[in-house]
Amino acid sequence: MKKNKKTNKKNRREKQLYKCFVITSIFLVVGIIYSRAALGKINLEIQELSDIIKEENDDNQSLAMKINEMVSLDKIRQVSNEQGLTYNNNNIKSVLE
């Protein structure tokens, strides 16, 4: 009878240990799947933000080119001629004089 109780206790412990192992394994698998899904979602958001940043950089470059065109000396002369202004070199004073 004593052996039977020991084997029963041993079997119960083994069953409990097996159940713990199975539950832990299930939690680990679910955790890994969840973390992979979250990582995929974050990577997708990063890609979308990268695309938006690239578009904004392209827009900024085109606007910088337009600004450079507007500030060019030829454009300034053209606009001043349209407004009736003239360029007189004698009216320009330098600091060195």
C-alpha atoms as a PDB file:
ATOM      1  CA  MET A   1       0.000   0.000   0.000  1.00  0.00           C
ATOM      2  CA  LYS A   2       2.797   2.372   0.724  1.00  0.00           C
ATOM      3  CA  LYS A   3       4.237   1.901  -2.729  1.00  0.00           C
ATOM      4  CA  ASN A   4       0.865   2.579  -4.296  1.00  0.00           C
ATOM      5  CA  LYS A   5       0.570   5.937  -2.498  1.00  0.00           C
ATOM      6  CA  LYS A   6       4.077   6.913  -3.569  1.00  0.00           C
ATOM      7  CA  THR A   7       3.406   6.027  -7.180  1.00  0.00           C
ATOM      8  CA  ASN A   8       0.077   7.857  -7.028  1.00  0.00           C
ATOM      9  CA  LYS A   9       1.774  10.972  -5.682  1.00  0.00           C
ATOM     10  CA  LYS A  10       4.485  10.610  -8.285  1.00  0.00           C
ATOM     11  CA  ASN A  11       1.899  10.254 -11.053  1.00  0.00           C
ATOM     12  CA  ARG A  12      -0.004  13.301  -9.790  1.00  0.00           C
ATOM     13  CA  ARG A  13       3.162  15.387  -9.735  1.00  0.00           C
ATOM     14  CA  GLU A  14       4.109  14.204 -13.181  1.00  0.00           C
ATOM     15  CA  LYS A  15       0.637  15.070 -14.465  1.00  0.00           C
ATOM     16  CA  GLN A  16       0.794  18.513 -12.835  1.00  0.00           C
ATOM     17  CA  LEU A  17       4.264  19.078 -14.245  1.00  0.00           C
ATOM     18  CA  TYR A  18       3.057  17.987 -17.687  1.00  0.00           C
ATOM     19  CA  LYS A  19       0.035  20.327 -17.462  1.00  0.00           C
ATOM     20  CA  CYS A  20       2.309  23.213 -16.431  1.00  0.00           C
ATOM     21  CA  PHE A  21       4.597  22.464 -19.336  1.00  0.00           C
ATOM     22  CA  VAL A  22       1.716  22.360 -21.814  1.00  0.00           C
ATOM     23  CA  ILE A  23       0.170  25.589 -20.500  1.00  0.00           C
ATOM     24  CA  THR A  24       3.541  27.345 -20.536  1.00  0.00           C
ATOM     25  CA  SER A  25       4.175  26.143 -24.076  1.00  0.00           C
ATOM     26  CA  ILE A  26       0.777  27.402 -25.226  1.00  0.00           C
ATOM     27  CA  PHE A  27       1.379  30.813 -23.643  1.00  0.00           C
ATOM     28  CA  LEU A  28       4.801  31.049 -25.260  1.00  0.00           C
ATOM     29  CA  VAL A  29       3.452  30.157 -28.696  1.00  0.00           C
ATOM     30  CA  VAL A  30       0.601  32.669 -28.382  1.00  0.00           C
ATOM     31  CA  GLY A  31       3.052  35.312 -27.147  1.00  0.00           C
ATOM     32  CA  ILE A  32       5.398  34.735 -30.063  1.00  0.00           C
ATOM     33  CA  ILE A  33       2.551  34.935 -32.576  1.00  0.00           C
ATOM     34  CA  TYR A  34       1.234  38.125 -30.981  1.00  0.00           C
ATOM     35  CA  SER A  35       4.657  39.762 -30.930  1.00  0.00           C
ATOM     36  CA  ARG A  36       5.262  38.867 -34.594  1.00  0.00           C
ATOM     37  CA  ALA A  37       1.900  40.356 -35.558  1.00  0.00           C
ATOM     38  CA  ALA A  38       2.640  43.540 -33.617  1.00  0.00           C
ATOM     39  CA  LEU A  39       6.083  43.764 -35.215  1.00  0.00           C
ATOM     40  CA  GLY A  40       4.563  43.371 -38.677  1.00  0.00           C
ATOM     41  CA  LYS A  41       2.053  46.125 -37.963  1.00  0.00           C
ATOM     42  CA  ILE A  42       4.786  48.462 -36.749  1.00  0.00           C
ATOM     43  CA  ASN A  43       6.913  47.727 -39.812  1.00  0.00           C
ATOM     44  CA  LEU A  44       3.959  48.582 -42.039  1.00  0.00           C
ATOM     45  CA  GLU A  45       3.469  51.904 -40.239  1.00  0.00           C
ATOM     46  CA  ILE A  46       7.185  52.663 -40.570  1.00  0.00           C
ATOM     47  CA  GLN A  47       7.022  52.006 -44.314  1.00  0.00           C
ATOM     48  CA  GLU A  48       4.004  54.301 -44.694  1.00  0.00           C
ATOM     49  CA  LEU A  49       5.742  57.071 -42.747  1.00  0.00           C
ATOM     50  CA  SER A  50       8.884  56.639 -44.839  1.00  0.00           C
ATOM     51  CA  ASP A  51       6.826  57.085 -48.001  1.00  0.00           C
ATOM     52  CA  ILE A  52       5.227  60.244 -46.592  1.00  0.00           C
ATOM     53  CA  ILE A  53       8.636  61.637 -45.612  1.00  0.00           C
ATOM     54  CA  LYS A  54       9.991  60.909 -49.087  1.00  0.00           C
ATOM     55  CA  GLU A  55       7.057  62.742 -50.704  1.00  0.00           C
ATOM     56  CA  GLU A  56       7.544  65.739 -48.403  1.00  0.00           C
ATOM     57  CA  ASN A  57      11.262  65.851 -49.185  1.00  0.00           C
ATOM     58  CA  ASP A  58      10.493  65.813 -52.906  1.00  0.00           C
ATOM     59  CA  ASP A  59       8.008  68.659 -52.435  1.00  0.00           C
ATOM     60  CA  ASN A  60      10.569  70.637 -50.429  1.00  0.00           C
ATOM     61  CA  GLN A  61      13.182  70.192 -53.145  1.00  0.00           C
ATOM     62  CA  SER A  62      10.816  71.359 -55.870  1.00  0.00           C
ATOM     63  CA  LEU A  63       9.818  74.390 -53.791  1.00  0.00           C
ATOM     64  CA  ALA A  64      13.476  75.212 -53.163  1.00  0.00           C
ATOM     65  CA  MET A  65      14.083  75.100 -56.919  1.00  0.00           C
ATOM     66  CA  LYS A  66      11.142  77.464 -57.491  1.00  0.00           C
ATOM     67  CA  ILE A  67      12.531  79.846 -54.873  1.00  0.00           C
ATOM     68  CA  ASN A  68      15.928  79.821 -56.564  1.00  0.00           C
ATOM     69  CA  GLU A  69      14.275  80.582 -59.903  1.00  0.00           C
ATOM     70  CA  MET A  70      12.334  83.497 -58.412  1.00  0.00           C
ATOM     71  CA  VAL A  71      15.408  84.976 -56.728  1.00  0.00           C
ATOM     72  CA  SER A  72      17.624  84.784 -59.817  1.00  0.00           C
ATOM     73  CA  LEU A  73      18.958  88.064 -61.184  1.00  0.00           C
ATOM     74  CA  ASP A  74      17.309  87.538 -64.570  1.00  0.00           C
ATOM     75  CA  LYS A  75      13.873  87.112 -62.982  1.00  0.00           C
ATOM     76  CA  ILE A  76      14.410  90.220 -60.826  1.00  0.00           C
ATOM     77  CA  ARG A  77      15.378  92.261 -63.894  1.00  0.00           C
ATOM     78  CA  GLN A  78      12.366  90.956 -65.819  1.00  0.00           C
ATOM     79  CA  VAL A  79       9.942  91.893 -63.024  1.00  0.00           C
ATOM     80  CA  SER A  80      11.581  95.303 -62.531  1.00  0.00           C
ATOM     81  CA  ASN A  81      11.304  96.044 -66.257  1.00  0.00           C
ATOM     82  CA  GLU A  82       7.624  95.043 -66.182  1.00  0.00           C
ATOM     83  CA  GLN A  83       7.090  97.451 -63.275  1.00  0.00           C
ATOM     84  CA  GLY A  84       8.856 100.267 -65.132  1.00  0.00           C
ATOM     85  CA  LEU A  85      11.980 100.301 -62.972  1.00  0.00           C
ATOM     86  CA  THR A  86      15.430 100.778 -64.472  1.00  0.00           C
ATOM     87  CA  TYR A  87      18.873  99.682 -63.413  1.00  0.00           C
ATOM     88  CA  ASN A  88      21.273 102.583 -62.963  1.00  0.00           C
ATOM     89  CA  ASN A  89      24.805 101.611 -61.995  1.00  0.00           C
ATOM     90  CA  ASN A  90      25.687 105.197 -60.960  1.00  0.00           C
ATOM     91  CA  ASN A  91      23.178 105.089 -58.097  1.00  0.00           C
ATOM     92  CA  ILE A  92      24.892 102.130 -56.473  1.00  0.00           C
ATOM     93  CA  LYS A  93      27.361 103.055 -53.754  1.00  0.00           C
ATOM     94  CA  SER A  94      29.857 100.682 -52.316  1.00  0.00           C
ATOM     95  CA  VAL A  95      31.110 100.697 -48.773  1.00  0.00           C
ATOM     96  CA  LEU A  96      34.723 101.003 -49.870  1.00  0.00           C
ATOM     97  CA  GLU A  97      34.280 104.440 -51.519  1.00  0.00           C
END
